[in-house]
Amino acid sequence: MLDPARSYDLIGDVHGCANTLEHLLDVLGYRLQGGVWRHPRRQAVFLGDIIDRGPRIREALHIVHGMVEAGEAFCIMGNHEYNALGWHTRAPAGTGQTWVREHTPRHRRLFGATLEQFERHPDDWKAFVGWFYTLPLFVDAGRFRLVHACWDQALVDPLKAMFPNACVDEPFIQQSALPGSFAAQAFDRLLRGTDMRLPGGRTLTGGDGLTRAFFRTKFWEQDPQTYGDIVFQPDALPDEVASQRLSPDQKQALLCYGAHEPMLFVGHYWRDGHPAPLRPNLACLDYSAVLHGKLVAYRLDAETAIDPHKFVWVDVKRPELAP
């Protein structure tokens, strides 16, 4: 799907920050021509989560969709695009659900900004929902790989056999409503990453105001010993939890992306600070744009190890988030 010999600008989660996206494209050397942002030699690649939370979701989608349709960009699916498909897809009979993504207050809160901003543009939204089916769950270009949250070869291989272009269909979305199904596992792992239950029945309320019984974990740690060694999220664990040792069974269950695997680029994780590789073959490009953070790109050329000097970003100014 992507030529491994071409130069790309990989861009993290946009989340409706359309003004900042245009600023970043300008910094990267793209120019608005005929209503589409274009570069004479490079192609933009978006790592998913174009929608939700931000103030200009419709505008951001038009920018990305226009670039993709013109051959100036490529986009993979994020968990928020999957959630949008699930919101509009009927659940299979016998699940006890009406929709794959039930219309609960919690889900409506996460999806509300998108619904509100498209309220007067229903045909526009319907077209974009259809377009989400054309976004692949992952890209394996040989020298590098792209996925929104986590690469799990045990799931990628059967997905390739089922969907050679990694673009799923409506029945697969429906199957994801069945707990424990292959579809549910694939979406959860590739688009949300790995997690672990907090010990002792604890819960943790994050910076987004949601309370969870699980925390996000690293999927590349070689020899972790404690909970603190594997936590990978903006919200820190309580000290007494972070210092607690992992059991042998917990360590055995952890996924580990090998140090000698191809370069892998992900979004999803709401990082902060100075953009940098997690490892020579692994980088996260989500730096909390919609939380006044940074919209980050990586300028990928012919390298086989991630270069710390090739991250490019713009700070998200508060006017982006103003009403």
C-alpha atoms as a PDB file:
ATOM      1  CA  MET A   1       0.000   0.000   0.000  1.00  0.00           C
ATOM      2  CA  LEU A   2       2.951   2.306   0.616  1.00  0.00           C
ATOM      3  CA  ASP A   3       6.177   2.366  -1.372  1.00  0.00           C
ATOM      4  CA  PRO A   4       8.964   1.765   1.190  1.00  0.00           C
ATOM      5  CA  ALA A   5      11.388   3.736  -1.000  1.00  0.00           C
ATOM      6  CA  ARG A   6       9.280   6.922  -0.951  1.00  0.00           C
ATOM      7  CA  SER A   7       9.586   9.763   1.579  1.00  0.00           C
ATOM      8  CA  TYR A   8       6.674  10.224   3.978  1.00  0.00           C
ATOM      9  CA  ASP A   9       5.567  12.614   6.689  1.00  0.00           C
ATOM     10  CA  LEU A  10       3.896  10.519   9.400  1.00  0.00           C
ATOM     11  CA  ILE A  11       1.411  12.565  11.447  1.00  0.00           C
ATOM     12  CA  GLY A  12      -0.075  11.739  14.846  1.00  0.00           C
ATOM     13  CA  ASP A  13      -3.611  12.097  16.205  1.00  0.00           C
ATOM     14  CA  VAL A  14      -5.305  15.273  14.906  1.00  0.00           C
ATOM     15  CA  HIS A  15      -8.562  15.073  16.925  1.00  0.00           C
ATOM     16  CA  GLY A  16     -10.279  17.953  15.174  1.00  0.00           C
ATOM     17  CA  CYS A  17      -7.403  20.459  15.420  1.00  0.00           C
ATOM     18  CA  ALA A  18      -7.735  21.572  11.799  1.00  0.00           C
ATOM     19  CA  ASN A  19      -5.980  24.939  12.165  1.00  0.00           C
ATOM     20  CA  THR A  20      -2.981  23.307  13.797  1.00  0.00           C
ATOM     21  CA  LEU A  21      -2.926  20.630  11.091  1.00  0.00           C
ATOM     22  CA  GLU A  22      -2.720  23.302   8.401  1.00  0.00           C
ATOM     23  CA  HIS A  23       0.071  24.989  10.373  1.00  0.00           C
ATOM     24  CA  LEU A  24       2.021  21.718  10.581  1.00  0.00           C
ATOM     25  CA  LEU A  25       1.535  20.980   6.868  1.00  0.00           C
ATOM     26  CA  ASP A  26       2.818  24.464   6.073  1.00  0.00           C
ATOM     27  CA  VAL A  27       5.904  23.920   8.274  1.00  0.00           C
ATOM     28  CA  LEU A  28       6.512  20.601   6.484  1.00  0.00           C
ATOM     29  CA  GLY A  29       6.507  22.352   3.100  1.00  0.00           C
ATOM     30  CA  TYR A  30       3.017  21.456   1.872  1.00  0.00           C
ATOM     31  CA  ARG A  31       1.108  24.141  -0.013  1.00  0.00           C
ATOM     32  CA  LEU A  32      -2.631  24.579  -0.577  1.00  0.00           C
ATOM     33  CA  GLN A  33      -3.243  24.125  -4.295  1.00  0.00           C
ATOM     34  CA  GLY A  34      -6.681  23.598  -5.800  1.00  0.00           C
ATOM     35  CA  GLY A  35      -8.155  23.104  -2.342  1.00  0.00           C
ATOM     36  CA  VAL A  36      -5.684  20.311  -1.436  1.00  0.00           C
ATOM     37  CA  TRP A  37      -2.465  20.436   0.578  1.00  0.00           C
ATOM     38  CA  ARG A  38       0.321  19.119  -1.668  1.00  0.00           C
ATOM     39  CA  HIS A  39       4.062  18.518  -1.513  1.00  0.00           C
ATOM     40  CA  PRO A  40       6.210  18.192  -4.646  1.00  0.00           C
ATOM     41  CA  ARG A  41       8.125  15.125  -3.371  1.00  0.00           C
ATOM     42  CA  ARG A  42       6.558  13.752  -0.172  1.00  0.00           C
ATOM     43  CA  GLN A  43       3.287  12.171   0.964  1.00  0.00           C
ATOM     44  CA  ALA A  44       1.558  12.638   4.306  1.00  0.00           C
ATOM     45  CA  VAL A  45       0.457   9.585   6.303  1.00  0.00           C
ATOM     46  CA  PHE A  46      -2.055   9.980   9.141  1.00  0.00           C
ATOM     47  CA  LEU A  47      -2.046   7.476  12.012  1.00  0.00           C
ATOM     48  CA  GLY A  48      -5.786   7.704  12.736  1.00  0.00           C
ATOM     49  CA  ASP A  49      -8.008   9.556  15.223  1.00  0.00           C
ATOM     50  CA  ILE A  50      -8.838  12.496  12.984  1.00  0.00           C
ATOM     51  CA  ILE A  51     -12.221  12.901  14.720  1.00  0.00           C
ATOM     52  CA  ASP A  52     -13.637  13.588  18.221  1.00  0.00           C
ATOM     53  CA  ARG A  53     -12.789  15.991  21.036  1.00  0.00           C
ATOM     54  CA  GLY A  54     -11.494  18.957  19.000  1.00  0.00           C
ATOM     55  CA  PRO A  55     -13.249  22.119  17.774  1.00  0.00           C
ATOM     56  CA  ARG A  56     -12.900  21.653  13.995  1.00  0.00           C
ATOM     57  CA  ILE A  57     -13.561  17.979  13.330  1.00  0.00           C
ATOM     58  CA  ARG A  58     -15.423  18.478  10.058  1.00  0.00           C
ATOM     59  CA  GLU A  59     -12.689  20.768   8.720  1.00  0.00           C
ATOM     60  CA  ALA A  60      -9.965  18.291   9.744  1.00  0.00           C
ATOM     61  CA  LEU A  61     -11.755  15.438   7.988  1.00  0.00           C
ATOM     62  CA  HIS A  62     -12.115  17.479   4.804  1.00  0.00           C
ATOM     63  CA  ILE A  63      -8.389  18.287   4.841  1.00  0.00           C
ATOM     64  CA  VAL A  64      -7.325  14.667   5.319  1.00  0.00           C
ATOM     65  CA  HIS A  65      -9.963  13.177   3.003  1.00  0.00           C
ATOM     66  CA  GLY A  66      -9.124  15.691   0.268  1.00  0.00           C
ATOM     67  CA  MET A  67      -5.432  14.844   0.474  1.00  0.00           C
ATOM     68  CA  VAL A  68      -6.103  11.096   0.414  1.00  0.00           C
ATOM     69  CA  GLU A  69      -8.457  11.340  -2.562  1.00  0.00           C
ATOM     70  CA  ALA A  70      -5.876  13.425  -4.448  1.00  0.00           C
ATOM     71  CA  GLY A  71      -3.085  10.922  -3.739  1.00  0.00           C
ATOM     72  CA  GLU A  72      -1.266  13.373  -1.474  1.00  0.00           C
ATOM     73  CA  ALA A  73      -1.859  11.409   1.737  1.00  0.00           C
ATOM     74  CA  PHE A  74      -2.684   8.037   3.216  1.00  0.00           C
ATOM     75  CA  CYS A  75      -4.639   7.392   6.421  1.00  0.00           C
ATOM     76  CA  ILE A  76      -5.079   4.377   8.692  1.00  0.00           C
ATOM     77  CA  MET A  77      -7.913   3.734  11.140  1.00  0.00           C
ATOM     78  CA  GLY A  78      -7.814   4.909  14.747  1.00  0.00           C
ATOM     79  CA  ASN A  79      -9.976   3.716  17.599  1.00  0.00           C
ATOM     80  CA  HIS A  80     -12.170   6.816  17.249  1.00  0.00           C
ATOM     81  CA  GLU A  81     -12.969   6.049  13.603  1.00  0.00           C
ATOM     82  CA  TYR A  82     -13.779   2.476  14.675  1.00  0.00           C
ATOM     83  CA  ASN A  83     -16.024   3.853  17.435  1.00  0.00           C
ATOM     84  CA  ALA A  84     -17.863   5.957  14.848  1.00  0.00           C
ATOM     85  CA  LEU A  85     -18.498   2.867  12.719  1.00  0.00           C
ATOM     86  CA  GLY A  86     -19.658   0.964  15.798  1.00  0.00           C
ATOM     87  CA  TRP A  87     -22.002   3.819  16.767  1.00  0.00           C
ATOM     88  CA  HIS A  88     -23.835   3.449  13.445  1.00  0.00           C
ATOM     89  CA  THR A  89     -23.709  -0.367  13.169  1.00  0.00           C
ATOM     90  CA  ARG A  90     -26.402  -2.650  14.591  1.00  0.00           C
ATOM     91  CA  ALA A  91     -25.117  -5.313  16.959  1.00  0.00           C
ATOM     92  CA  PRO A  92     -25.735  -8.976  16.091  1.00  0.00           C
ATOM     93  CA  ALA A  93     -28.765 -10.673  17.595  1.00  0.00           C
ATOM     94  CA  GLY A  94     -28.180 -12.302  20.959  1.00  0.00           C
ATOM     95  CA  THR A  95     -25.595  -9.831  22.212  1.00  0.00           C
ATOM     96  CA  GLY A  96     -28.039  -7.879  24.334  1.00  0.00           C
ATOM     97  CA  GLN A  97     -26.936  -4.716  22.563  1.00  0.00           C
ATOM     98  CA  THR A  98     -28.643  -2.508  20.003  1.00  0.00           C
ATOM     99  CA  TRP A  99     -25.464  -1.035  18.567  1.00  0.00           C
ATOM    100  CA  VAL A 100     -21.876  -2.234  18.395  1.00  0.00           C
ATOM    101  CA  ARG A 101     -20.936   0.988  20.192  1.00  0.00           C
ATOM    102  CA  GLU A 102     -23.891   1.433  22.520  1.00  0.00           C
ATOM    103  CA  HIS A 103     -25.386   4.936  22.790  1.00  0.00           C
ATOM    104  CA  THR A 104     -24.575   5.286  26.476  1.00  0.00           C
ATOM    105  CA  PRO A 105     -23.840   8.600  28.227  1.00  0.00           C
ATOM    106  CA  ARG A 106     -20.156   7.607  28.469  1.00  0.00           C
ATOM    107  CA  HIS A 107     -19.855   6.864  24.743  1.00  0.00           C
ATOM    108  CA  ARG A 108     -21.921   9.921  23.815  1.00  0.00           C
ATOM    109  CA  ARG A 109     -19.546  12.049  25.845  1.00  0.00           C
ATOM    110  CA  LEU A 110     -16.568  10.710  23.870  1.00  0.00           C
ATOM    111  CA  PHE A 111     -18.364  11.030  20.529  1.00  0.00           C
ATOM    112  CA  GLY A 112     -20.477  14.097  21.288  1.00  0.00           C
ATOM    113  CA  ALA A 113     -18.277  16.768  19.702  1.00  0.00           C
ATOM    114  CA  THR A 114     -18.313  14.930  16.366  1.00  0.00           C
ATOM    115  CA  LEU A 115     -22.097  14.441  16.413  1.00  0.00           C
ATOM    116  CA  GLU A 116     -22.666  18.100  17.302  1.00  0.00           C
ATOM    117  CA  GLN A 117     -20.375  19.478  14.617  1.00  0.00           C
ATOM    118  CA  PHE A 118     -22.022  17.370  11.910  1.00  0.00           C
ATOM    119  CA  GLU A 119     -25.591  17.950  13.117  1.00  0.00           C
ATOM    120  CA  ARG A 120     -26.294  20.345  10.240  1.00  0.00           C
ATOM    121  CA  HIS A 121     -24.302  18.280   7.726  1.00  0.00           C
ATOM    122  CA  PRO A 122     -25.845  14.778   7.854  1.00  0.00           C
ATOM    123  CA  ASP A 123     -24.988  13.894   4.242  1.00  0.00           C
ATOM    124  CA  ASP A 124     -21.416  14.981   4.823  1.00  0.00           C
ATOM    125  CA  TRP A 125     -21.160  12.759   7.881  1.00  0.00           C
ATOM    126  CA  LYS A 126     -22.735   9.782   6.128  1.00  0.00           C
ATOM    127  CA  ALA A 127     -20.113  10.044   3.387  1.00  0.00           C
ATOM    128  CA  PHE A 128     -17.279  10.187   5.904  1.00  0.00           C
ATOM    129  CA  VAL A 129     -18.600   7.139   7.789  1.00  0.00           C
ATOM    130  CA  GLY A 130     -18.537   5.241   4.510  1.00  0.00           C
ATOM    131  CA  TRP A 131     -14.990   6.462   3.905  1.00  0.00           C
ATOM    132  CA  PHE A 132     -13.845   5.083   7.274  1.00  0.00           C
ATOM    133  CA  TYR A 133     -14.273   1.588   5.813  1.00  0.00           C
ATOM    134  CA  THR A 134     -11.451   2.373   3.373  1.00  0.00           C
ATOM    135  CA  LEU A 135      -8.968   3.053   6.200  1.00  0.00           C
ATOM    136  CA  PRO A 136      -6.733   0.019   6.829  1.00  0.00           C
ATOM    137  CA  LEU A 137      -6.087  -1.231  10.344  1.00  0.00           C
ATOM    138  CA  PHE A 138      -2.339  -1.386   9.735  1.00  0.00           C
ATOM    139  CA  VAL A 139       0.388  -1.040   7.120  1.00  0.00           C
ATOM    140  CA  ASP A 140       3.373  -3.349   6.776  1.00  0.00           C
ATOM    141  CA  ALA A 141       5.759  -1.797   4.261  1.00  0.00           C
ATOM    142  CA  GLY A 142       8.599  -4.156   5.108  1.00  0.00           C
ATOM    143  CA  ARG A 143      11.108  -1.549   6.261  1.00  0.00           C
ATOM    144  CA  PHE A 144       8.531   0.139   8.491  1.00  0.00           C
ATOM    145  CA  ARG A 145       5.106  -0.538   9.972  1.00  0.00           C
ATOM    146  CA  LEU A 146       2.168   1.646  10.950  1.00  0.00           C
ATOM    147  CA  VAL A 147      -0.671   0.914  13.362  1.00  0.00           C
ATOM    148  CA  HIS A 148      -2.703   3.202  15.573  1.00  0.00           C
ATOM    149  CA  ALA A 149      -1.831   1.630  18.942  1.00  0.00           C
ATOM    150  CA  CYS A 150      -0.072  -1.741  19.002  1.00  0.00           C
ATOM    151  CA  TRP A 151       1.461  -4.260  16.588  1.00  0.00           C
ATOM    152  CA  ASP A 152       0.578  -7.863  17.371  1.00  0.00           C
ATOM    153  CA  GLN A 153       1.764 -10.249  14.673  1.00  0.00           C
ATOM    154  CA  ALA A 154      -0.504 -13.014  15.962  1.00  0.00           C
ATOM    155  CA  LEU A 155      -3.485 -10.838  14.985  1.00  0.00           C
ATOM    156  CA  VAL A 156      -1.977  -9.170  11.910  1.00  0.00           C
ATOM    157  CA  ASP A 157      -1.321 -12.448  10.096  1.00  0.00           C
ATOM    158  CA  PRO A 158      -4.927 -13.770  10.170  1.00  0.00           C
ATOM    159  CA  LEU A 159      -6.218 -10.274   9.381  1.00  0.00           C
ATOM    160  CA  LYS A 160      -4.034 -10.215   6.266  1.00  0.00           C
ATOM    161  CA  ALA A 161      -5.519 -13.541   5.215  1.00  0.00           C
ATOM    162  CA  MET A 162      -9.068 -12.254   5.720  1.00  0.00           C
ATOM    163  CA  PHE A 163      -8.553  -8.725   4.377  1.00  0.00           C
ATOM    164  CA  PRO A 164      -5.462  -8.451   2.132  1.00  0.00           C
ATOM    165  CA  ASN A 165      -5.700  -4.649   2.096  1.00  0.00           C
ATOM    166  CA  ALA A 166      -6.351  -4.547   5.883  1.00  0.00           C
ATOM    167  CA  CYS A 167      -9.678  -2.729   5.314  1.00  0.00           C
ATOM    168  CA  VAL A 168     -12.516  -4.430   7.192  1.00  0.00           C
ATOM    169  CA  ASP A 169     -16.215  -4.659   6.314  1.00  0.00           C
ATOM    170  CA  GLU A 170     -19.494  -4.155   8.184  1.00  0.00           C
ATOM    171  CA  PRO A 171     -19.920  -7.828   9.241  1.00  0.00           C
ATOM    172  CA  PHE A 172     -16.473  -7.663  10.867  1.00  0.00           C
ATOM    173  CA  ILE A 173     -17.500  -4.517  12.749  1.00  0.00           C
ATOM    174  CA  GLN A 174     -20.645  -6.353  13.881  1.00  0.00           C
ATOM    175  CA  GLN A 175     -18.632  -9.349  15.075  1.00  0.00           C
ATOM    176  CA  SER A 176     -16.572  -7.045  17.293  1.00  0.00           C
ATOM    177  CA  ALA A 177     -19.638  -6.677  19.531  1.00  0.00           C
ATOM    178  CA  LEU A 178     -19.178 -10.315  20.596  1.00  0.00           C
ATOM    179  CA  PRO A 179     -16.855 -10.482  23.636  1.00  0.00           C
ATOM    180  CA  GLY A 180     -13.834 -12.675  22.974  1.00  0.00           C
ATOM    181  CA  SER A 181     -14.367 -12.802  19.209  1.00  0.00           C
ATOM    182  CA  PHE A 182     -11.406 -12.445  16.877  1.00  0.00           C
ATOM    183  CA  ALA A 183     -12.839  -9.130  15.633  1.00  0.00           C
ATOM    184  CA  ALA A 184     -13.117  -7.795  19.187  1.00  0.00           C
ATOM    185  CA  GLN A 185      -9.542  -8.850  19.961  1.00  0.00           C
ATOM    186  CA  ALA A 186      -8.197  -7.315  16.751  1.00  0.00           C
ATOM    187  CA  PHE A 187      -9.798  -3.904  17.258  1.00  0.00           C
ATOM    188  CA  ASP A 188      -8.975  -3.816  20.945  1.00  0.00           C
ATOM    189  CA  ARG A 189      -5.301  -4.731  20.545  1.00  0.00           C
ATOM    190  CA  LEU A 190      -4.411  -2.889  17.315  1.00  0.00           C
ATOM    191  CA  LEU A 191      -6.422   0.276  17.968  1.00  0.00           C
ATOM    192  CA  ARG A 192      -6.324   0.530  21.787  1.00  0.00           C
ATOM    193  CA  GLY A 193      -3.133  -1.290  22.731  1.00  0.00           C
ATOM    194  CA  THR A 194      -2.351  -3.524  25.678  1.00  0.00           C
ATOM    195  CA  ASP A 195      -3.565  -2.988  29.206  1.00  0.00           C
ATOM    196  CA  MET A 196      -3.603  -4.580  32.649  1.00  0.00           C
ATOM    197  CA  ARG A 197      -6.129  -4.556  35.451  1.00  0.00           C
ATOM    198  CA  LEU A 198      -5.218  -2.470  38.466  1.00  0.00           C
ATOM    199  CA  PRO A 199      -4.576  -4.696  41.512  1.00  0.00           C
ATOM    200  CA  GLY A 200      -6.937  -5.074  44.437  1.00  0.00           C
ATOM    201  CA  GLY A 201     -10.042  -3.889  42.589  1.00  0.00           C
ATOM    202  CA  ARG A 202      -8.658  -0.359  42.327  1.00  0.00           C
ATOM    203  CA  THR A 203      -9.814   2.231  39.812  1.00  0.00           C
ATOM    204  CA  LEU A 204      -8.066   5.305  38.454  1.00  0.00           C
ATOM    205  CA  THR A 205      -9.681   8.535  37.235  1.00  0.00           C
ATOM    206  CA  GLY A 206      -7.651   9.937  34.359  1.00  0.00           C
ATOM    207  CA  GLY A 207      -7.067  13.447  33.110  1.00  0.00           C
ATOM    208  CA  ASP A 208      -9.967  12.963  30.691  1.00  0.00           C
ATOM    209  CA  GLY A 209     -12.357  12.555  33.657  1.00  0.00           C
ATOM    210  CA  LEU A 210     -13.094   8.873  32.960  1.00  0.00           C
ATOM    211  CA  THR A 211     -12.653   6.245  35.661  1.00  0.00           C
ATOM    212  CA  ARG A 212     -11.049   2.971  34.619  1.00  0.00           C
ATOM    213  CA  ALA A 213     -10.102  -0.319  36.272  1.00  0.00           C
ATOM    214  CA  PHE A 214      -7.276  -0.867  33.735  1.00  0.00           C
ATOM    215  CA  PHE A 215      -4.124   1.020  32.793  1.00  0.00           C
ATOM    216  CA  ARG A 216      -2.314   1.090  29.449  1.00  0.00           C
ATOM    217  CA  THR A 217       0.899  -0.883  29.270  1.00  0.00           C
ATOM    218  CA  LYS A 218       4.088  -0.893  27.224  1.00  0.00           C
ATOM    219  CA  PHE A 219       4.259  -3.602  24.594  1.00  0.00           C
ATOM    220  CA  TRP A 220       8.024  -3.513  24.113  1.00  0.00           C
ATOM    221  CA  GLU A 221       9.562  -3.813  27.595  1.00  0.00           C
ATOM    222  CA  GLN A 222      12.148  -6.615  27.601  1.00  0.00           C
ATOM    223  CA  ASP A 223      12.387  -7.527  31.299  1.00  0.00           C
ATOM    224  CA  PRO A 224       9.866  -5.614  33.439  1.00  0.00           C
ATOM    225  CA  GLN A 225       9.766  -6.257  37.165  1.00  0.00           C
ATOM    226  CA  THR A 226       7.076  -3.935  38.536  1.00  0.00           C
ATOM    227  CA  TYR A 227       3.817  -2.305  37.483  1.00  0.00           C
ATOM    228  CA  GLY A 228       5.739   0.955  37.156  1.00  0.00           C
ATOM    229  CA  ASP A 229       8.033  -0.613  34.536  1.00  0.00           C
ATOM    230  CA  ILE A 230       5.154  -1.212  32.140  1.00  0.00           C
ATOM    231  CA  VAL A 231       2.746   1.721  32.609  1.00  0.00           C
ATOM    232  CA  PHE A 232       2.392   3.772  29.417  1.00  0.00           C
ATOM    233  CA  GLN A 233      -0.169   6.534  29.801  1.00  0.00           C
ATOM    234  CA  PRO A 234      -0.261  10.167  30.942  1.00  0.00           C
ATOM    235  CA  ASP A 235      -1.871   9.266  34.274  1.00  0.00           C
ATOM    236  CA  ALA A 236       0.685   7.935  36.773  1.00  0.00           C
ATOM    237  CA  LEU A 237      -0.050   4.950  38.951  1.00  0.00           C
ATOM    238  CA  PRO A 238      -0.165   5.458  42.739  1.00  0.00           C
ATOM    239  CA  ASP A 239       3.283   4.872  44.212  1.00  0.00           C
ATOM    240  CA  GLU A 240       2.201   1.776  46.086  1.00  0.00           C
ATOM    241  CA  VAL A 241       0.895   0.250  42.835  1.00  0.00           C
ATOM    242  CA  ALA A 242       3.871   1.318  40.706  1.00  0.00           C
ATOM    243  CA  SER A 243       6.281  -0.393  43.101  1.00  0.00           C
ATOM    244  CA  GLN A 244       4.298  -3.650  43.247  1.00  0.00           C
ATOM    245  CA  ARG A 245       6.091  -6.562  41.578  1.00  0.00           C
ATOM    246  CA  LEU A 246       4.647  -8.384  38.595  1.00  0.00           C
ATOM    247  CA  SER A 247       3.906 -12.062  38.978  1.00  0.00           C
ATOM    248  CA  PRO A 248       5.551 -14.586  36.617  1.00  0.00           C
ATOM    249  CA  ASP A 249       2.156 -15.152  34.951  1.00  0.00           C
ATOM    250  CA  GLN A 250       1.693 -11.420  34.395  1.00  0.00           C
ATOM    251  CA  LYS A 251       5.137 -11.107  32.840  1.00  0.00           C
ATOM    252  CA  GLN A 252       4.494 -14.141  30.651  1.00  0.00           C
ATOM    253  CA  ALA A 253       1.262 -12.591  29.335  1.00  0.00           C
ATOM    254  CA  LEU A 254       2.913  -9.335  28.254  1.00  0.00           C
ATOM    255  CA  LEU A 255       3.397  -8.681  24.545  1.00  0.00           C
ATOM    256  CA  CYS A 256       6.910  -7.627  23.494  1.00  0.00           C
ATOM    257  CA  TYR A 257       7.682  -5.979  20.154  1.00  0.00           C
ATOM    258  CA  GLY A 258      11.242  -7.096  19.441  1.00  0.00           C
ATOM    259  CA  ALA A 259      14.170  -4.701  19.275  1.00  0.00           C
ATOM    260  CA  HIS A 260      15.129  -6.114  15.864  1.00  0.00           C
ATOM    261  CA  GLU A 261      11.672  -5.801  14.285  1.00  0.00           C
ATOM    262  CA  PRO A 262      11.092  -3.168  11.550  1.00  0.00           C
ATOM    263  CA  MET A 263      10.527   0.430  12.602  1.00  0.00           C
ATOM    264  CA  LEU A 264       7.026   0.858  14.056  1.00  0.00           C
ATOM    265  CA  PHE A 265       5.100   4.132  14.319  1.00  0.00           C
ATOM    266  CA  VAL A 266       1.969   4.494  16.466  1.00  0.00           C
ATOM    267  CA  GLY A 267      -0.305   7.267  17.763  1.00  0.00           C
ATOM    268  CA  HIS A 268      -2.932   6.962  20.511  1.00  0.00           C
ATOM    269  CA  TYR A 269      -1.008   7.402  23.773  1.00  0.00           C
ATOM    270  CA  TRP A 270      -1.270  11.116  24.697  1.00  0.00           C
ATOM    271  CA  ARG A 271       2.428  11.678  25.323  1.00  0.00           C
ATOM    272  CA  ASP A 272       3.971  14.937  26.490  1.00  0.00           C
ATOM    273  CA  GLY A 273       7.403  16.530  26.590  1.00  0.00           C
ATOM    274  CA  HIS A 274       9.981  16.599  23.808  1.00  0.00           C
ATOM    275  CA  PRO A 275       9.078  14.267  20.888  1.00  0.00           C
ATOM    276  CA  ALA A 276      11.609  11.443  20.720  1.00  0.00           C
ATOM    277  CA  PRO A 277      11.810   7.716  19.898  1.00  0.00           C
ATOM    278  CA  LEU A 278      10.755   5.192  22.519  1.00  0.00           C
ATOM    279  CA  ARG A 279      13.384   2.895  21.073  1.00  0.00           C
ATOM    280  CA  PRO A 280      15.456   2.949  17.847  1.00  0.00           C
ATOM    281  CA  ASN A 281      12.671   1.013  16.119  1.00  0.00           C
ATOM    282  CA  LEU A 282       9.595   2.453  17.864  1.00  0.00           C
ATOM    283  CA  ALA A 283       8.015   5.911  18.062  1.00  0.00           C
ATOM    284  CA  CYS A 284       4.696   7.325  19.234  1.00  0.00           C
ATOM    285  CA  LEU A 285       3.528  10.461  17.400  1.00  0.00           C
ATOM    286  CA  ASP A 286       0.546  11.367  19.594  1.00  0.00           C
ATOM    287  CA  TYR A 287       1.531  14.309  21.813  1.00  0.00           C
ATOM    288  CA  SER A 288      -1.878  15.374  23.088  1.00  0.00           C
ATOM    289  CA  ALA A 289      -2.693  17.946  20.399  1.00  0.00           C
ATOM    290  CA  VAL A 290      -6.247  18.467  21.612  1.00  0.00           C
ATOM    291  CA  LEU A 291      -5.030  19.088  25.180  1.00  0.00           C
ATOM    292  CA  HIS A 292      -2.926  22.135  24.207  1.00  0.00           C
ATOM    293  CA  GLY A 293      -0.032  19.808  23.418  1.00  0.00           C
ATOM    294  CA  LYS A 294       1.799  19.280  20.132  1.00  0.00           C
ATOM    295  CA  LEU A 295       0.802  17.989  16.725  1.00  0.00           C
ATOM    296  CA  VAL A 296       3.797  15.864  15.758  1.00  0.00           C
ATOM    297  CA  ALA A 297       5.164  14.461  12.499  1.00  0.00           C
ATOM    298  CA  TYR A 298       8.117  12.247  11.689  1.00  0.00           C
ATOM    299  CA  ARG A 299       9.903  12.795   8.361  1.00  0.00           C
ATOM    300  CA  LEU A 300      10.571   9.264   7.143  1.00  0.00           C
ATOM    301  CA  ASP A 301      13.055   8.759   4.343  1.00  0.00           C
ATOM    302  CA  ALA A 302      15.390   5.815   3.710  1.00  0.00           C
ATOM    303  CA  GLU A 303      16.549   5.185   7.286  1.00  0.00           C
ATOM    304  CA  THR A 304      16.147   1.852   9.041  1.00  0.00           C
ATOM    305  CA  ALA A 305      16.396   3.272  12.584  1.00  0.00           C
ATOM    306  CA  ILE A 306      14.386   6.189  13.938  1.00  0.00           C
ATOM    307  CA  ASP A 307      16.353   9.436  13.886  1.00  0.00           C
ATOM    308  CA  PRO A 308      15.675  11.659  16.947  1.00  0.00           C
ATOM    309  CA  HIS A 309      16.354  14.752  14.809  1.00  0.00           C
ATOM    310  CA  LYS A 310      13.560  14.055  12.300  1.00  0.00           C
ATOM    311  CA  PHE A 311      10.585  14.822  14.538  1.00  0.00           C
ATOM    312  CA  VAL A 312       8.758  18.006  13.529  1.00  0.00           C
ATOM    313  CA  TRP A 313       5.968  19.578  15.560  1.00  0.00           C
ATOM    314  CA  VAL A 314       3.877  22.646  16.169  1.00  0.00           C
ATOM    315  CA  ASP A 315       2.386  23.658  19.490  1.00  0.00           C
ATOM    316  CA  VAL A 316      -1.388  23.786  19.639  1.00  0.00           C
ATOM    317  CA  LYS A 317      -2.348  27.370  20.475  1.00  0.00           C
ATOM    318  CA  ARG A 318      -5.368  28.091  22.599  1.00  0.00           C
ATOM    319  CA  PRO A 319      -7.271  29.848  19.766  1.00  0.00           C
ATOM    320  CA  GLU A 320      -7.470  26.379  18.135  1.00  0.00           C
ATOM    321  CA  LEU A 321      -9.557  25.214  21.053  1.00  0.00           C
ATOM    322  CA  ALA A 322     -11.648  28.377  21.455  1.00  0.00           C
ATOM    323  CA  PRO A 323     -15.384  28.160  20.587  1.00  0.00           C
END
